[in-house]
């Protein structure tokens, strides 16, 4: 579900080392919580139905295992899927 990934701008900033993990984390969570149905900042992947997708995953995670995948290595500590997991588990 690509609409739960970070914006292209944010992804590029962390990969280029222009922002810290702390700043990335804050901005990523802000992006997930921002109002509106479509993220106009992304040229390739639009944020269609992001809030619905989050609610759906939270609902599913209460009943069964939800697997979050990314292009990052599984052992990568600084990956948005760890933030997403904590959000789905309502730890943040």
PDB file of N, CA and C in Angstrom:
ATOM      1  N   UNK A   1       0.843  -1.161   0.000  1.00  0.00           N
ATOM      2  CA  UNK A   1       0.000   0.000   0.000  1.00  0.00           C
ATOM      3  C   UNK A   1       0.893   1.230   0.000  1.00  0.00           C
ATOM      4  N   UNK A   2       1.263   1.628  -1.175  1.00  0.00           N
ATOM      5  CA  UNK A   2       2.236   2.704  -1.340  1.00  0.00           C
ATOM      6  C   UNK A   2       1.760   4.030  -0.759  1.00  0.00           C
ATOM      7  N   UNK A   3       0.458   4.205  -0.609  1.00  0.00           N
ATOM      8  CA  UNK A   3      -0.027   5.483  -0.081  1.00  0.00           C
ATOM      9  C   UNK A   3       0.316   5.679   1.397  1.00  0.00           C
ATOM     10  N   UNK A   4       0.847   4.672   2.054  1.00  0.00           N
ATOM     11  CA  UNK A   4       1.268   4.816   3.445  1.00  0.00           C
ATOM     12  C   UNK A   4       2.763   5.097   3.569  1.00  0.00           C
ATOM     13  N   UNK A   5       3.442   5.182   2.453  1.00  0.00           N
ATOM     14  CA  UNK A   5       4.860   5.524   2.467  1.00  0.00           C
ATOM     15  C   UNK A   5       5.054   7.019   2.637  1.00  0.00           C
ATOM     16  N   UNK A   6       6.273   7.442   2.862  1.00  0.00           N
ATOM     17  CA  UNK A   6       6.548   8.872   2.987  1.00  0.00           C
ATOM     18  C   UNK A   6       6.413   9.570   1.641  1.00  0.00           C
ATOM     19  N   UNK A   7       6.256  10.877   1.690  1.00  0.00           N
ATOM     20  CA  UNK A   7       6.235  11.648   0.444  1.00  0.00           C
ATOM     21  C   UNK A   7       7.584  11.497  -0.250  1.00  0.00           C
ATOM     22  N   UNK A   8       7.604  11.731  -1.526  1.00  0.00           N
ATOM     23  CA  UNK A   8       8.853  11.625  -2.284  1.00  0.00           C
ATOM     24  C   UNK A   8       9.889  12.601  -1.747  1.00  0.00           C
ATOM     25  N   UNK A   9       9.453  13.803  -1.414  1.00  0.00           N
ATOM     26  CA  UNK A   9      10.352  14.824  -0.877  1.00  0.00           C
ATOM     27  C   UNK A   9      10.983  14.361   0.436  1.00  0.00           C
ATOM     28  N   UNK A  10      10.167  13.807   1.314  1.00  0.00           N
ATOM     29  CA  UNK A  10      10.668  13.345   2.604  1.00  0.00           C
ATOM     30  C   UNK A  10      11.590  12.149   2.441  1.00  0.00           C
ATOM     31  N   UNK A  11      11.213  11.213   1.598  1.00  0.00           N
ATOM     32  CA  UNK A  11      12.055  10.035   1.341  1.00  0.00           C
ATOM     33  C   UNK A  11      13.414  10.461   0.796  1.00  0.00           C
ATOM     34  N   UNK A  12      13.415  11.386  -0.165  1.00  0.00           N
ATOM     35  CA  UNK A  12      14.669  11.857  -0.757  1.00  0.00           C
ATOM     36  C   UNK A  12      15.548  12.569   0.269  1.00  0.00           C
ATOM     37  N   UNK A  13      14.916  13.335   1.166  1.00  0.00           N
ATOM     38  CA  UNK A  13      15.671  14.086   2.175  1.00  0.00           C
ATOM     39  C   UNK A  13      16.391  13.151   3.147  1.00  0.00           C
ATOM     40  N   UNK A  14      15.715  12.100   3.596  1.00  0.00           N
ATOM     41  CA  UNK A  14      16.364  11.177   4.543  1.00  0.00           C
ATOM     42  C   UNK A  14      17.447  10.353   3.848  1.00  0.00           C
ATOM     43  N   UNK A  15      17.179   9.930   2.624  1.00  0.00           N
ATOM     44  CA  UNK A  15      18.184   9.136   1.899  1.00  0.00           C
ATOM     45  C   UNK A  15      19.435   9.939   1.583  1.00  0.00           C
ATOM     46  N   UNK A  16      19.269  11.244   1.352  1.00  0.00           N
ATOM     47  CA  UNK A  16      20.413  12.107   1.042  1.00  0.00           C
ATOM     48  C   UNK A  16      21.110  12.608   2.304  1.00  0.00           C
ATOM     49  N   UNK A  17      20.562  12.302   3.473  1.00  0.00           N
ATOM     50  CA  UNK A  17      21.172  12.737   4.725  1.00  0.00           C
ATOM     51  C   UNK A  17      20.935  14.202   5.051  1.00  0.00           C
ATOM     52  N   UNK A  18      19.942  14.826   4.423  1.00  0.00           N
ATOM     53  CA  UNK A  18      19.660  16.244   4.672  1.00  0.00           C
ATOM     54  C   UNK A  18      18.865  16.473   5.947  1.00  0.00           C
ATOM     55  N   UNK A  19      18.219  15.412   6.467  1.00  0.00           N
ATOM     56  CA  UNK A  19      17.464  15.533   7.711  1.00  0.00           C
ATOM     57  C   UNK A  19      17.796  14.350   8.615  1.00  0.00           C
ATOM     58  N   UNK A  20      17.575  14.549   9.901  1.00  0.00           N
ATOM     59  CA  UNK A  20      17.843  13.491  10.883  1.00  0.00           C
ATOM     60  C   UNK A  20      16.674  12.510  10.925  1.00  0.00           C
ATOM     61  N   UNK A  21      16.923  11.350  11.558  1.00  0.00           N
ATOM     62  CA  UNK A  21      15.846  10.367  11.734  1.00  0.00           C
ATOM     63  C   UNK A  21      14.723  10.968  12.574  1.00  0.00           C
ATOM     64  N   UNK A  22      15.092  11.736  13.579  1.00  0.00           N
ATOM     65  CA  UNK A  22      14.073  12.371  14.431  1.00  0.00           C
ATOM     66  C   UNK A  22      13.178  13.303  13.623  1.00  0.00           C
ATOM     67  N   UNK A  23      13.777  14.119  12.789  1.00  0.00           N
ATOM     68  CA  UNK A  23      13.011  15.041  11.933  1.00  0.00           C
ATOM     69  C   UNK A  23      12.167  14.254  10.933  1.00  0.00           C
ATOM     70  N   UNK A  24      12.752  13.232  10.351  1.00  0.00           N
ATOM     71  CA  UNK A  24      12.024  12.376   9.408  1.00  0.00           C
ATOM     72  C   UNK A  24      10.804  11.760  10.086  1.00  0.00           C
ATOM     73  N   UNK A  25      10.993  11.212  11.285  1.00  0.00           N
ATOM     74  CA  UNK A  25       9.907  10.571  12.022  1.00  0.00           C
ATOM     75  C   UNK A  25       8.764  11.544  12.260  1.00  0.00           C
ATOM     76  N   UNK A  26       9.102  12.739  12.721  1.00  0.00           N
ATOM     77  CA  UNK A  26       8.084  13.749  12.997  1.00  0.00           C
ATOM     78  C   UNK A  26       7.312  14.113  11.728  1.00  0.00           C
ATOM     79  N   UNK A  27       8.053  14.365  10.659  1.00  0.00           N
ATOM     80  CA  UNK A  27       7.403  14.779   9.411  1.00  0.00           C
ATOM     81  C   UNK A  27       6.586  13.644   8.786  1.00  0.00           C
ATOM     82  N   UNK A  28       7.073  12.410   8.873  1.00  0.00           N
ATOM     83  CA  UNK A  28       6.331  11.276   8.321  1.00  0.00           C
ATOM     84  C   UNK A  28       4.997  11.111   9.050  1.00  0.00           C
ATOM     85  N   UNK A  29       5.036  11.154  10.377  1.00  0.00           N
ATOM     86  CA  UNK A  29       3.792  11.015  11.151  1.00  0.00           C
ATOM     87  C   UNK A  29       2.849  12.183  10.887  1.00  0.00           C
ATOM     88  N   UNK A  30       3.403  13.381  10.701  1.00  0.00           N
ATOM     89  CA  UNK A  30       2.568  14.533  10.324  1.00  0.00           C
ATOM     90  C   UNK A  30       1.897  14.288   8.975  1.00  0.00           C
ATOM     91  N   UNK A  31       2.649  13.728   8.032  1.00  0.00           N
ATOM     92  CA  UNK A  31       2.075  13.433   6.711  1.00  0.00           C
ATOM     93  C   UNK A  31       0.916  12.441   6.829  1.00  0.00           C
ATOM     94  N   UNK A  32       1.081  11.416   7.651  1.00  0.00           N
ATOM     95  CA  UNK A  32       0.027  10.421   7.812  1.00  0.00           C
ATOM     96  C   UNK A  32      -1.238  11.021   8.418  1.00  0.00           C
ATOM     97  N   UNK A  33      -1.057  12.048   9.217  1.00  0.00           N
ATOM     98  CA  UNK A  33      -2.192  12.648   9.921  1.00  0.00           C
ATOM     99  C   UNK A  33      -2.772  13.871   9.224  1.00  0.00           C
ATOM    100  N   UNK A  34      -2.152  14.314   8.141  1.00  0.00           N
ATOM    101  CA  UNK A  34      -2.636  15.543   7.514  1.00  0.00           C
ATOM    102  C   UNK A  34      -4.006  15.327   6.875  1.00  0.00           C
ATOM    103  N   UNK A  35      -4.816  16.374   6.882  1.00  0.00           N
ATOM    104  CA  UNK A  35      -6.163  16.257   6.326  1.00  0.00           C
ATOM    105  C   UNK A  35      -6.147  16.196   4.799  1.00  0.00           C
ATOM    106  N   UNK A  36      -7.251  15.796   4.248  1.00  0.00           N
ATOM    107  CA  UNK A  36      -7.384  15.764   2.798  1.00  0.00           C
ATOM    108  C   UNK A  36      -7.230  14.366   2.237  1.00  0.00           C
ATOM    109  N   UNK A  37      -7.748  14.185   1.045  1.00  0.00           N
ATOM    110  CA  UNK A  37      -7.746  12.868   0.423  1.00  0.00           C
ATOM    111  C   UNK A  37      -6.613  12.617  -0.544  1.00  0.00           C
ATOM    112  N   UNK A  38      -5.990  13.674  -1.053  1.00  0.00           N
ATOM    113  CA  UNK A  38      -4.942  13.500  -2.050  1.00  0.00           C
ATOM    114  C   UNK A  38      -3.751  14.375  -1.691  1.00  0.00           C
ATOM    115  N   UNK A  39      -2.577  13.807  -1.695  1.00  0.00           N
ATOM    116  CA  UNK A  39      -1.346  14.542  -1.424  1.00  0.00           C
ATOM    117  C   UNK A  39      -0.812  15.080  -2.744  1.00  0.00           C
ATOM    118  N   UNK A  40      -0.960  16.365  -2.964  1.00  0.00           N
ATOM    119  CA  UNK A  40      -0.555  16.984  -4.235  1.00  0.00           C
ATOM    120  C   UNK A  40       0.961  17.068  -4.394  1.00  0.00           C
ATOM    121  N   UNK A  41       1.726  16.827  -3.322  1.00  0.00           N
ATOM    122  CA  UNK A  41       3.181  16.953  -3.411  1.00  0.00           C
ATOM    123  C   UNK A  41       3.830  15.814  -4.182  1.00  0.00           C
ATOM    124  N   UNK A  42       3.203  14.663  -4.215  1.00  0.00           N
ATOM    125  CA  UNK A  42       3.805  13.503  -4.859  1.00  0.00           C
ATOM    126  C   UNK A  42       3.419  13.425  -6.321  1.00  0.00           C
ATOM    127  N   UNK A  43       4.415  13.330  -7.170  1.00  0.00           N
ATOM    128  CA  UNK A  43       4.162  13.253  -8.608  1.00  0.00           C
ATOM    129  C   UNK A  43       3.814  11.843  -9.047  1.00  0.00           C
ATOM    130  N   UNK A  44       4.423  10.835  -8.409  1.00  0.00           N
ATOM    131  CA  UNK A  44       4.218   9.452  -8.852  1.00  0.00           C
ATOM    132  C   UNK A  44       3.134   8.730  -8.064  1.00  0.00           C
ATOM    133  N   UNK A  45       3.178   8.833  -6.749  1.00  0.00           N
ATOM    134  CA  UNK A  45       2.229   8.082  -5.913  1.00  0.00           C
ATOM    135  C   UNK A  45       1.376   9.080  -5.149  1.00  0.00           C
ATOM    136  N   UNK A  46       0.120   9.141  -5.482  1.00  0.00           N
ATOM    137  CA  UNK A  46      -0.803  10.065  -4.819  1.00  0.00           C
ATOM    138  C   UNK A  46      -1.365   9.431  -3.560  1.00  0.00           C
ATOM    139  N   UNK A  47      -1.669  10.266  -2.598  1.00  0.00           N
ATOM    140  CA  UNK A  47      -2.200   9.816  -1.319  1.00  0.00           C
ATOM    141  C   UNK A  47      -3.720   9.698  -1.422  1.00  0.00           C
ATOM    142  N   UNK A  48      -4.208   8.682  -2.077  1.00  0.00           N
ATOM    143  CA  UNK A  48      -5.636   8.434  -2.191  1.00  0.00           C
ATOM    144  C   UNK A  48      -6.059   7.484  -1.081  1.00  0.00           C
ATOM    145  N   UNK A  49      -7.011   7.892  -0.265  1.00  0.00           N
ATOM    146  CA  UNK A  49      -7.573   6.999   0.732  1.00  0.00           C
ATOM    147  C   UNK A  49      -6.645   6.606   1.859  1.00  0.00           C
ATOM    148  N   UNK A  50      -5.697   7.458   2.189  1.00  0.00           N
ATOM    149  CA  UNK A  50      -4.721   7.114   3.226  1.00  0.00           C
ATOM    150  C   UNK A  50      -5.377   6.863   4.577  1.00  0.00           C
ATOM    151  N   UNK A  51      -6.306   7.718   4.973  1.00  0.00           N
ATOM    152  CA  UNK A  51      -6.964   7.547   6.274  1.00  0.00           C
ATOM    153  C   UNK A  51      -7.765   6.247   6.297  1.00  0.00           C
ATOM    154  N   UNK A  52      -8.434   5.928   5.214  1.00  0.00           N
ATOM    155  CA  UNK A  52      -9.171   4.665   5.129  1.00  0.00           C
ATOM    156  C   UNK A  52      -8.207   3.486   5.259  1.00  0.00           C
ATOM    157  N   UNK A  53      -7.080   3.558   4.571  1.00  0.00           N
ATOM    158  CA  UNK A  53      -6.104   2.474   4.617  1.00  0.00           C
ATOM    159  C   UNK A  53      -5.575   2.270   6.035  1.00  0.00           C
ATOM    160  N   UNK A  54      -5.272   3.362   6.739  1.00  0.00           N
ATOM    161  CA  UNK A  54      -4.808   3.256   8.127  1.00  0.00           C
ATOM    162  C   UNK A  54      -5.869   2.602   9.013  1.00  0.00           C
ATOM    163  N   UNK A  55      -7.113   3.033   8.883  1.00  0.00           N
ATOM    164  CA  UNK A  55      -8.189   2.448   9.688  1.00  0.00           C
ATOM    165  C   UNK A  55      -8.374   0.968   9.360  1.00  0.00           C
ATOM    166  N   UNK A  56      -8.295   0.625   8.092  1.00  0.00           N
ATOM    167  CA  UNK A  56      -8.438  -0.763   7.674  1.00  0.00           C
ATOM    168  C   UNK A  56      -7.333  -1.633   8.280  1.00  0.00           C
ATOM    169  N   UNK A  57      -6.091  -1.173   8.203  1.00  0.00           N
ATOM    170  CA  UNK A  57      -4.981  -1.940   8.765  1.00  0.00           C
ATOM    171  C   UNK A  57      -5.100  -2.062  10.280  1.00  0.00           C
ATOM    172  N   UNK A  58      -5.536  -0.995  10.950  1.00  0.00           N
ATOM    173  CA  UNK A  58      -5.729  -1.078  12.396  1.00  0.00           C
ATOM    174  C   UNK A  58      -6.793  -2.116  12.732  1.00  0.00           C
ATOM    175  N   UNK A  59      -7.859  -2.132  11.966  1.00  0.00           N
ATOM    176  CA  UNK A  59      -8.937  -3.107  12.169  1.00  0.00           C
ATOM    177  C   UNK A  59      -8.420  -4.537  11.933  1.00  0.00           C
ATOM    178  N   UNK A  60      -7.713  -4.739  10.843  1.00  0.00           N
ATOM    179  CA  UNK A  60      -7.191  -6.073  10.524  1.00  0.00           C
ATOM    180  C   UNK A  60      -6.176  -6.540  11.562  1.00  0.00           C
ATOM    181  N   UNK A  61      -5.333  -5.631  12.023  1.00  0.00           N
ATOM    182  CA  UNK A  61      -4.276  -5.991  12.978  1.00  0.00           C
ATOM    183  C   UNK A  61      -4.842  -6.459  14.317  1.00  0.00           C
ATOM    184  N   UNK A  62      -6.068  -6.081  14.632  1.00  0.00           N
ATOM    185  CA  UNK A  62      -6.698  -6.543  15.868  1.00  0.00           C
ATOM    186  C   UNK A  62      -7.083  -8.012  15.775  1.00  0.00           C
ATOM    187  N   UNK A  63      -7.235  -8.507  14.549  1.00  0.00           N
ATOM    188  CA  UNK A  63      -7.750  -9.861  14.355  1.00  0.00           C
ATOM    189  C   UNK A  63      -6.736 -10.843  13.772  1.00  0.00           C
ATOM    190  N   UNK A  64      -5.734 -10.310  13.086  1.00  0.00           N
ATOM    191  CA  UNK A  64      -4.768 -11.194  12.441  1.00  0.00           C
ATOM    192  C   UNK A  64      -3.449 -10.467  12.233  1.00  0.00           C
ATOM    193  N   UNK A  65      -2.460 -11.184  11.770  1.00  0.00           N
ATOM    194  CA  UNK A  65      -1.141 -10.614  11.529  1.00  0.00           C
ATOM    195  C   UNK A  65      -1.161  -9.749  10.280  1.00  0.00           C
ATOM    196  N   UNK A  66      -0.600  -8.564  10.405  1.00  0.00           N
ATOM    197  CA  UNK A  66      -0.438  -7.660   9.271  1.00  0.00           C
ATOM    198  C   UNK A  66       1.058  -7.551   9.014  1.00  0.00           C
ATOM    199  N   UNK A  67       1.476  -7.779   7.784  1.00  0.00           N
ATOM    200  CA  UNK A  67       2.890  -7.723   7.431  1.00  0.00           C
ATOM    201  C   UNK A  67       3.171  -6.426   6.684  1.00  0.00           C
ATOM    202  N   UNK A  68       4.145  -5.664   7.170  1.00  0.00           N
ATOM    203  CA  UNK A  68       4.545  -4.414   6.540  1.00  0.00           C
ATOM    204  C   UNK A  68       5.846  -4.643   5.792  1.00  0.00           C
ATOM    205  N   UNK A  69       5.852  -4.297   4.533  1.00  0.00           N
ATOM    206  CA  UNK A  69       7.035  -4.487   3.694  1.00  0.00           C
ATOM    207  C   UNK A  69       7.556  -3.148   3.197  1.00  0.00           C
ATOM    208  N   UNK A  70       8.821  -3.135   2.860  1.00  0.00           N
ATOM    209  CA  UNK A  70       9.461  -1.942   2.328  1.00  0.00           C
ATOM    210  C   UNK A  70      10.670  -2.391   1.511  1.00  0.00           C
ATOM    211  N   UNK A  71      11.253  -1.452   0.780  1.00  0.00           N
ATOM    212  CA  UNK A  71      12.473  -1.756   0.023  1.00  0.00           C
ATOM    213  C   UNK A  71      13.699  -1.790   0.933  1.00  0.00           C
ATOM    214  N   UNK A  72      13.563  -1.247   2.144  1.00  0.00           N
ATOM    215  CA  UNK A  72      14.673  -1.260   3.103  1.00  0.00           C
ATOM    216  C   UNK A  72      14.956  -2.692   3.542  1.00  0.00           C
ATOM    217  N   UNK A  73      16.171  -2.916   3.958  1.00  0.00           N
ATOM    218  CA  UNK A  73      16.521  -4.216   4.525  1.00  0.00           C
ATOM    219  C   UNK A  73      15.710  -4.436   5.794  1.00  0.00           C
ATOM    220  N   UNK A  74      15.379  -5.682   6.079  1.00  0.00           N
ATOM    221  CA  UNK A  74      14.542  -5.993   7.230  1.00  0.00           C
ATOM    222  C   UNK A  74      15.147  -5.496   8.544  1.00  0.00           C
ATOM    223  N   UNK A  75      16.453  -5.552   8.651  1.00  0.00           N
ATOM    224  CA  UNK A  75      17.108  -5.129   9.884  1.00  0.00           C
ATOM    225  C   UNK A  75      17.348  -3.617   9.958  1.00  0.00           C
ATOM    226  N   UNK A  76      16.969  -2.879   8.920  1.00  0.00           N
ATOM    227  CA  UNK A  76      17.137  -1.420   8.919  1.00  0.00           C
ATOM    228  C   UNK A  76      16.303  -0.795  10.036  1.00  0.00           C
ATOM    229  N   UNK A  77      16.970  -0.077  10.940  1.00  0.00           N
ATOM    230  CA  UNK A  77      16.277   0.529  12.074  1.00  0.00           C
ATOM    231  C   UNK A  77      15.536   1.798  11.683  1.00  0.00           C
ATOM    232  N   UNK A  78      16.053   2.508  10.698  1.00  0.00           N
ATOM    233  CA  UNK A  78      15.460   3.776  10.286  1.00  0.00           C
ATOM    234  C   UNK A  78      14.636   3.574   9.018  1.00  0.00           C
ATOM    235  N   UNK A  79      13.447   3.032   9.203  1.00  0.00           N
ATOM    236  CA  UNK A  79      12.528   2.768   8.094  1.00  0.00           C
ATOM    237  C   UNK A  79      11.122   3.178   8.527  1.00  0.00           C
ATOM    238  N   UNK A  80      10.376   3.744   7.613  1.00  0.00           N
ATOM    239  CA  UNK A  80       9.034   4.220   7.955  1.00  0.00           C
ATOM    240  C   UNK A  80       8.112   3.105   8.441  1.00  0.00           C
ATOM    241  N   UNK A  81       8.411   1.853   8.070  1.00  0.00           N
ATOM    242  CA  UNK A  81       7.494   0.781   8.494  1.00  0.00           C
ATOM    243  C   UNK A  81       7.510   0.573   9.997  1.00  0.00           C
ATOM    244  N   UNK A  82       8.626   0.916  10.669  1.00  0.00           N
ATOM    245  CA  UNK A  82       8.666   0.822  12.126  1.00  0.00           C
ATOM    246  C   UNK A  82       7.753   1.884  12.760  1.00  0.00           C
ATOM    247  N   UNK A  83       7.744   3.064  12.169  1.00  0.00           N
ATOM    248  CA  UNK A  83       6.854   4.130  12.641  1.00  0.00           C
ATOM    249  C   UNK A  83       5.403   3.761  12.370  1.00  0.00           C
ATOM    250  N   UNK A  84       5.155   3.214  11.199  1.00  0.00           N
ATOM    251  CA  UNK A  84       3.807   2.796  10.832  1.00  0.00           C
ATOM    252  C   UNK A  84       3.319   1.694  11.770  1.00  0.00           C
ATOM    253  N   UNK A  85       4.184   0.751  12.081  1.00  0.00           N
ATOM    254  CA  UNK A  85       3.822  -0.338  13.007  1.00  0.00           C
ATOM    255  C   UNK A  85       3.434   0.230  14.367  1.00  0.00           C
ATOM    256  N   UNK A  86       4.237   1.152  14.888  1.00  0.00           N
ATOM    257  CA  UNK A  86       3.933   1.757  16.185  1.00  0.00           C
ATOM    258  C   UNK A  86       2.616   2.523  16.127  1.00  0.00           C
ATOM    259  N   UNK A  87       2.354   3.198  15.032  1.00  0.00           N
ATOM    260  CA  UNK A  87       1.093   3.914  14.874  1.00  0.00           C
ATOM    261  C   UNK A  87      -0.083   2.948  14.829  1.00  0.00           C
ATOM    262  N   UNK A  88       0.053   1.863  14.093  1.00  0.00           N
ATOM    263  CA  UNK A  88      -1.012   0.871  14.012  1.00  0.00           C
ATOM    264  C   UNK A  88      -1.269   0.216  15.375  1.00  0.00           C
ATOM    265  N   UNK A  89      -0.212   0.063  16.146  1.00  0.00           N
ATOM    266  CA  UNK A  89      -0.355  -0.519  17.483  1.00  0.00           C
ATOM    267  C   UNK A  89      -0.729   0.539  18.512  1.00  0.00           C
ATOM    268  N   UNK A  90      -0.900   1.776  18.033  1.00  0.00           N
ATOM    269  CA  UNK A  90      -1.262   2.933  18.871  1.00  0.00           C
ATOM    270  C   UNK A  90      -0.255   3.181  19.975  1.00  0.00           C
ATOM    271  N   UNK A  91       1.014   2.994  19.619  1.00  0.00           N
ATOM    272  CA  UNK A  91       2.090   3.285  20.576  1.00  0.00           C
ATOM    273  C   UNK A  91       2.600   4.712  20.420  1.00  0.00           C
ATOM    274  N   UNK A  92       2.211   5.347  19.319  1.00  0.00           N
ATOM    275  CA  UNK A  92       2.566   6.767  19.109  1.00  0.00           C
ATOM    276  C   UNK A  92       1.358   7.514  18.603  1.00  0.00           C
TER     277      UNK A  92
END
